[in-house]
C-alpha atoms as a PDB file:
ATOM      1  CA  MET A   1      94.601  71.172 117.286  1.00  0.00           C
ATOM      2  CA  ASN A   2      91.524  71.455 119.468  1.00  0.00           C
ATOM      3  CA  ALA A   3      91.366  73.415 122.699  1.00  0.00           C
ATOM      4  CA  ARG A   4      89.432  72.212 125.696  1.00  0.00           C
ATOM      5  CA  THR A   5      86.614  74.427 126.941  1.00  0.00           C
ATOM      6  CA  GLN A   6      84.549  74.159 130.072  1.00  0.00           C
ATOM      7  CA  ILE A   7      81.029  75.586 130.207  1.00  0.00           C
ATOM      8  CA  THR A   8      78.424  75.816 132.931  1.00  0.00           C
ATOM      9  CA  MET A   9      74.737  75.470 132.151  1.00  0.00           C
ATOM     10  CA  ASP A  10      71.439  74.869 133.839  1.00  0.00           C
ATOM     11  CA  PRO A  11      70.911  71.137 134.537  1.00  0.00           C
ATOM     12  CA  GLU A  12      67.637  71.047 132.588  1.00  0.00           C
ATOM     13  CA  LEU A  13      69.279  72.705 129.581  1.00  0.00           C
ATOM     14  CA  GLN A  14      72.156  70.228 129.799  1.00  0.00           C
ATOM     15  CA  ARG A  15      69.732  67.286 129.949  1.00  0.00           C
ATOM     16  CA  ARG A  16      67.867  68.541 126.874  1.00  0.00           C
ATOM     17  CA  ALA A  17      71.122  69.139 124.988  1.00  0.00           C
ATOM     18  CA  HIS A  18      72.377  65.624 125.777  1.00  0.00           C
ATOM     19  CA  ALA A  19      69.027  64.204 124.638  1.00  0.00           C
ATOM     20  CA  LYS A  20      69.172  66.171 121.368  1.00  0.00           C
ATOM     21  CA  ALA A  21      72.758  64.993 120.739  1.00  0.00           C
ATOM     22  CA  ALA A  22      71.698  61.390 121.359  1.00  0.00           C
ATOM     23  CA  GLU A  23      68.748  61.852 119.000  1.00  0.00           C
ATOM     24  CA  LEU A  24      71.164  63.064 116.304  1.00  0.00           C
ATOM     25  CA  GLY A  25      73.535  60.187 117.056  1.00  0.00           C
ATOM     26  CA  ILE A  26      76.455  62.443 117.982  1.00  0.00           C
ATOM     27  CA  SER A  27      78.309  63.266 121.175  1.00  0.00           C
ATOM     28  CA  PHE A  28      77.339  66.189 123.353  1.00  0.00           C
ATOM     29  CA  ALA A  29      80.700  67.817 122.509  1.00  0.00           C
ATOM     30  CA  GLU A  30      80.071  67.454 118.764  1.00  0.00           C
ATOM     31  CA  TYR A  31      76.580  68.878 119.217  1.00  0.00           C
ATOM     32  CA  VAL A  32      77.989  71.958 120.974  1.00  0.00           C
ATOM     33  CA  ARG A  33      80.749  72.338 118.331  1.00  0.00           C
ATOM     34  CA  ARG A  34      78.152  72.269 115.541  1.00  0.00           C
ATOM     35  CA  LEU A  35      75.951  74.829 117.303  1.00  0.00           C
ATOM     36  CA  VAL A  36      78.873  77.211 117.765  1.00  0.00           C
ATOM     37  CA  ALA A  37      80.094  76.697 114.175  1.00  0.00           C
ATOM     38  CA  ASN A  38      76.591  77.324 112.777  1.00  0.00           C
ATOM     39  CA  ASP A  39      76.175  80.449 114.897  1.00  0.00           C
ATOM     40  CA  LEU A  40      79.524  81.919 113.848  1.00  0.00           C
ATOM     41  CA  GLY A  41      79.162  81.071 110.168  1.00  0.00           C
ATOM     42  CA  ALA A  42      81.954  80.373 107.715  1.00  0.00           C
ATOM     43  CA  GLN A  43      85.446  81.443 108.658  1.00  0.00           C
ATOM     44  CA  LYS A  44      86.695  84.406 106.656  1.00  0.00           C
ATOM     45  CA  PRO A  45      89.783  83.544 104.632  1.00  0.00           C
ATOM     46  CA  LYS A  46      92.977  85.285 105.667  1.00  0.00           C
ATOM     47  CA  ALA A  47      94.636  87.431 103.037  1.00  0.00           C
ATOM     48  CA  ASP A  48      97.826  86.003 101.600  1.00  0.00           C
ATOM     49  CA  VAL A  49     100.613  88.542 102.161  1.00  0.00           C
ATOM     50  CA  SER A  50     102.433  87.254  99.076  1.00  0.00           C
ATOM     51  CA  LEU A  51      99.718  88.867  96.929  1.00  0.00           C
ATOM     52  CA  ILE A  52     101.249  92.324  97.416  1.00  0.00           C
ATOM     53  CA  PHE A  53     104.646  91.329  96.023  1.00  0.00           C
ATOM     54  CA  ASN A  54     105.596  91.281  92.336  1.00  0.00           C
ATOM     55  CA  LEU A  55     102.638  93.450  91.326  1.00  0.00           C
ATOM     56  CA  VAL A  56     104.592  95.678  88.942  1.00  0.00           C
ATOM     57  CA  ASP A  57     107.072  94.572  86.293  1.00  0.00           C
ATOM     58  CA  GLU A  58     107.572  98.008  84.728  1.00  0.00           C
ATOM     59  CA  GLY A  59     110.305 100.542  85.347  1.00  0.00           C
ATOM     60  CA  PRO A  60     113.535 100.338  87.262  1.00  0.00           C
ATOM     61  CA  PRO A  61     113.736  98.402  90.527  1.00  0.00           C
ATOM     62  CA  THR A  62     113.182 100.489  93.649  1.00  0.00           C
ATOM     63  CA  ASN A  63     114.291 100.231  97.235  1.00  0.00           C
ATOM     64  CA  ILE A  64     111.343 101.608  99.169  1.00  0.00           C
ATOM     65  CA  ALA A  65     113.004 101.131 102.558  1.00  0.00           C
ATOM     66  CA  ARG A  66     115.943 103.277 101.467  1.00  0.00           C
ATOM     67  CA  ASP A  67     114.132 105.750  99.201  1.00  0.00           C
ATOM     68  CA  LYS A  68     110.786 106.226 100.973  1.00  0.00           C
ATOM     69  CA  HIS A  69     111.447 109.818 102.047  1.00  0.00           C
ATOM     70  CA  ARG A  70     112.477 110.849  98.510  1.00  0.00           C
ATOM     71  CA  MET A  71     109.502 109.014  96.981  1.00  0.00           C
ATOM     72  CA  ILE A  72     107.025 110.639  99.388  1.00  0.00           C
ATOM     73  CA  GLY A  73     108.594 114.026  98.734  1.00  0.00           C
ATOM     74  CA  GLU A  74     108.242 113.566  94.980  1.00  0.00           C
ATOM     75  CA  ALA A  75     104.608 112.509  95.343  1.00  0.00           C
ATOM     76  CA  VAL A  76     103.819 115.535  97.529  1.00  0.00           C
ATOM     77  CA  TRP A  77     105.638 117.872  95.133  1.00  0.00           C
ATOM     78  CA  ASP A  78     103.823 116.404  92.106  1.00  0.00           C
ATOM     79  CA  ASN A  79     100.497 116.868  93.909  1.00  0.00           C
ATOM     80  CA  TYR A  80     101.370 120.494  94.661  1.00  0.00           C
ATOM     81  CA  GLN A  81     102.412 121.088  91.047  1.00  0.00           C
ATOM     82  CA  ARG A  82      99.160 119.534  89.801  1.00  0.00           C
ATOM     83  CA  LYS A  83      97.135 121.817  92.085  1.00  0.00           C
ATOM     84  CA  MET A  84      99.040 124.820  90.730  1.00  0.00           C
ATOM     85  CA  GLY A  85      98.298 123.757  87.151  1.00  0.00           C
ATOM     86  CA  ARG A  86     101.898 122.953  86.322  1.00  0.00           C
ATOM     87  CA  LYS A  87     103.350 119.866  84.700  1.00  0.00           C
ATOM     88  CA  THR A  88     104.593 117.199  87.071  1.00  0.00           C
ATOM     89  CA  ARG A  89     107.605 114.944  86.651  1.00  0.00           C
ATOM     90  CA  SER A  90     105.363 111.887  86.266  1.00  0.00           C
ATOM     91  CA  SER A  91     103.281 113.481  83.500  1.00  0.00           C
ATOM     92  CA  ALA A  92     106.466 114.582  81.725  1.00  0.00           C
ATOM     93  CA  LYS A  93     107.768 110.997  81.880  1.00  0.00           C
ATOM     94  CA  VAL A  94     104.541 109.656  80.396  1.00  0.00           C
ATOM     95  CA  LYS A  95     104.642 112.138  77.499  1.00  0.00           C
ATOM     96  CA  SER A  96     108.291 111.342  76.700  1.00  0.00           C
ATOM     97  CA  ARG A  97     107.578 107.628  76.160  1.00  0.00           C
END
């Protein structure tokens, strides 16, 4: 759906713009739309939010909303253990497979 826009311009500039539109065989409105579109360039595509779902098929299902505090705690603890040179739970899981 298009939105109406009102602009104010110098009469001489308006006359020249109307003449250029007529020369191109298009309406003044189409001429202005093309100028704005060319100036702004191509529209950037919006990211599809569905792309972030179903990324991982491995391991047990998780409930991030319910378990986020536990999961963050485990990640922080594993980071601390790694810094201290100790084995982390995640590295122990990998080795047991």
